[in-house]
N, C-alpha and C. Protein backbone atom coordinates (compact mmCIF):
# COMPACT_ATOMS: atom_id res chain seq x y z
N MET A 1 -2.22 -3.98 6.47
CA MET A 1 -1.68 -2.77 5.90
C MET A 1 -2.07 -2.65 4.43
N LEU A 2 -2.14 -3.76 3.76
CA LEU A 2 -2.58 -3.73 2.36
C LEU A 2 -4.02 -3.22 2.28
N TYR A 3 -4.82 -3.55 3.28
CA TYR A 3 -6.21 -3.08 3.34
C TYR A 3 -6.25 -1.56 3.30
N TRP A 4 -5.39 -0.90 4.11
CA TRP A 4 -5.40 0.56 4.16
C TRP A 4 -4.90 1.14 2.86
N ALA A 5 -3.95 0.49 2.21
CA ALA A 5 -3.48 0.97 0.91
C ALA A 5 -4.62 0.95 -0.11
N VAL A 6 -5.42 -0.12 -0.09
CA VAL A 6 -6.55 -0.23 -1.00
C VAL A 6 -7.61 0.82 -0.66
N VAL A 7 -7.85 1.04 0.62
CA VAL A 7 -8.85 2.04 1.03
C VAL A 7 -8.45 3.43 0.54
N PHE A 8 -7.20 3.80 0.74
CA PHE A 8 -6.76 5.13 0.30
C PHE A 8 -6.73 5.22 -1.21
N PHE A 9 -6.46 4.12 -1.90
CA PHE A 9 -6.51 4.12 -3.36
C PHE A 9 -7.94 4.39 -3.84
N ILE A 10 -8.92 3.76 -3.23
CA ILE A 10 -10.32 3.97 -3.60
C ILE A 10 -10.74 5.40 -3.29
N VAL A 11 -10.30 5.93 -2.15
CA VAL A 11 -10.62 7.32 -1.80
C VAL A 11 -10.02 8.26 -2.85
N ALA A 12 -8.80 7.96 -3.30
CA ALA A 12 -8.15 8.80 -4.31
C ALA A 12 -8.92 8.76 -5.62
N ILE A 13 -9.40 7.59 -6.01
CA ILE A 13 -10.17 7.48 -7.26
C ILE A 13 -11.48 8.25 -7.16
N VAL A 14 -12.18 8.09 -6.05
CA VAL A 14 -13.45 8.80 -5.88
C VAL A 14 -13.22 10.31 -5.87
N ALA A 15 -12.18 10.75 -5.18
CA ALA A 15 -11.87 12.19 -5.14
C ALA A 15 -11.49 12.70 -6.52
N ALA A 16 -10.78 11.89 -7.30
CA ALA A 16 -10.41 12.31 -8.65
C ALA A 16 -11.63 12.44 -9.54
N ILE A 17 -12.60 11.56 -9.35
CA ILE A 17 -13.84 11.63 -10.15
C ILE A 17 -14.57 12.94 -9.87
N PHE A 18 -14.59 13.34 -8.61
CA PHE A 18 -15.29 14.57 -8.25
C PHE A 18 -14.44 15.82 -8.43
N GLY A 19 -13.16 15.64 -8.77
CA GLY A 19 -12.31 16.78 -9.07
C GLY A 19 -11.67 17.44 -7.88
N PHE A 20 -11.57 16.75 -6.77
CA PHE A 20 -10.92 17.32 -5.59
C PHE A 20 -9.43 17.01 -5.67
N GLY A 21 -8.66 17.94 -6.24
CA GLY A 21 -7.24 17.72 -6.50
C GLY A 21 -6.42 17.44 -5.26
N ASN A 22 -6.56 18.26 -4.24
CA ASN A 22 -5.73 18.10 -3.04
C ASN A 22 -6.05 16.81 -2.30
N ILE A 23 -7.31 16.46 -2.23
CA ILE A 23 -7.71 15.25 -1.52
C ILE A 23 -7.20 14.03 -2.26
N SER A 24 -7.34 14.01 -3.57
CA SER A 24 -6.91 12.84 -4.33
C SER A 24 -5.39 12.69 -4.30
N GLU A 25 -4.66 13.79 -4.34
CA GLU A 25 -3.20 13.72 -4.26
C GLU A 25 -2.75 13.19 -2.91
N GLY A 26 -3.38 13.63 -1.86
CA GLY A 26 -3.01 13.17 -0.52
C GLY A 26 -3.32 11.70 -0.32
N ALA A 27 -4.50 11.29 -0.74
CA ALA A 27 -4.88 9.88 -0.58
C ALA A 27 -4.00 8.98 -1.45
N ALA A 28 -3.67 9.43 -2.65
CA ALA A 28 -2.81 8.63 -3.52
C ALA A 28 -1.41 8.53 -2.92
N GLY A 29 -0.93 9.59 -2.34
CA GLY A 29 0.38 9.56 -1.70
C GLY A 29 0.43 8.58 -0.54
N ILE A 30 -0.61 8.59 0.28
CA ILE A 30 -0.69 7.66 1.41
C ILE A 30 -0.79 6.23 0.90
N ALA A 31 -1.57 6.01 -0.15
CA ALA A 31 -1.70 4.66 -0.71
C ALA A 31 -0.36 4.16 -1.24
N LYS A 32 0.41 5.02 -1.88
CA LYS A 32 1.72 4.62 -2.40
C LYS A 32 2.66 4.25 -1.26
N ILE A 33 2.68 5.07 -0.22
CA ILE A 33 3.56 4.80 0.92
C ILE A 33 3.20 3.48 1.58
N LEU A 34 1.91 3.25 1.82
CA LEU A 34 1.49 1.99 2.44
C LEU A 34 1.79 0.80 1.56
N PHE A 35 1.66 0.96 0.24
CA PHE A 35 1.96 -0.13 -0.67
C PHE A 35 3.43 -0.51 -0.58
N PHE A 36 4.32 0.48 -0.60
CA PHE A 36 5.75 0.18 -0.54
C PHE A 36 6.15 -0.40 0.81
N ILE A 37 5.53 0.05 1.89
CA ILE A 37 5.79 -0.54 3.21
C ILE A 37 5.36 -2.01 3.21
N PHE A 38 4.21 -2.30 2.61
CA PHE A 38 3.73 -3.67 2.52
C PHE A 38 4.69 -4.54 1.72
N VAL A 39 5.19 -4.03 0.61
CA VAL A 39 6.13 -4.80 -0.22
C VAL A 39 7.41 -5.08 0.55
N VAL A 40 7.93 -4.08 1.26
CA VAL A 40 9.17 -4.27 2.03
C VAL A 40 8.95 -5.31 3.13
N LEU A 41 7.85 -5.22 3.85
CA LEU A 41 7.57 -6.20 4.90
C LEU A 41 7.39 -7.61 4.33
N PHE A 42 6.79 -7.72 3.16
CA PHE A 42 6.62 -9.02 2.51
C PHE A 42 7.98 -9.62 2.17
N VAL A 43 8.86 -8.81 1.59
CA VAL A 43 10.19 -9.30 1.21
C VAL A 43 10.98 -9.72 2.45
N ILE A 44 10.91 -8.93 3.51
CA ILE A 44 11.62 -9.27 4.74
C ILE A 44 11.11 -10.58 5.32
N SER A 45 9.79 -10.76 5.37
CA SER A 45 9.24 -12.01 5.91
C SER A 45 9.59 -13.20 5.03
N LEU A 46 9.62 -12.99 3.71
CA LEU A 46 10.00 -14.06 2.80
C LEU A 46 11.45 -14.48 3.02
N VAL A 47 12.34 -13.51 3.15
CA VAL A 47 13.75 -13.82 3.38
C VAL A 47 13.95 -14.51 4.73
N LEU A 48 13.27 -14.05 5.76
CA LEU A 48 13.41 -14.68 7.07
C LEU A 48 12.90 -16.11 7.06
N ASN A 49 11.81 -16.37 6.37
CA ASN A 49 11.29 -17.73 6.29
C ASN A 49 12.22 -18.62 5.50
N LEU A 50 12.81 -18.12 4.44
CA LEU A 50 13.77 -18.90 3.68
C LEU A 50 15.03 -19.19 4.49
N ALA A 51 15.44 -18.23 5.32
CA ALA A 51 16.63 -18.42 6.15
C ALA A 51 16.40 -19.48 7.22
N LYS A 52 15.16 -19.59 7.70
CA LYS A 52 14.83 -20.59 8.72
C LYS A 52 14.64 -21.97 8.11
N GLY A 53 14.51 -22.04 6.81
CA GLY A 53 14.34 -23.33 6.16
C GLY A 53 12.90 -23.73 5.96
N LYS A 54 11.97 -22.81 6.23
CA LYS A 54 10.56 -23.09 6.01
C LYS A 54 10.19 -22.81 4.57
N LYS A 55 9.21 -23.52 4.07
CA LYS A 55 8.71 -23.24 2.72
C LYS A 55 7.82 -22.00 2.78
N PRO A 56 7.89 -21.13 1.78
CA PRO A 56 7.07 -19.91 1.77
C PRO A 56 5.60 -20.19 1.58
């Protein structure tokens, strides 16, 4: 999922360079959403591993 966040971030940067406002806004929005989903899943997996007694 982090891969897709990076891909949409790169698409947003390229679109911003060429001046495509709507495309860059959409790609940046998708990248932000995927980034936050990745962070939430990371925190959940970290907490579950700590609860089981495994080292992270």
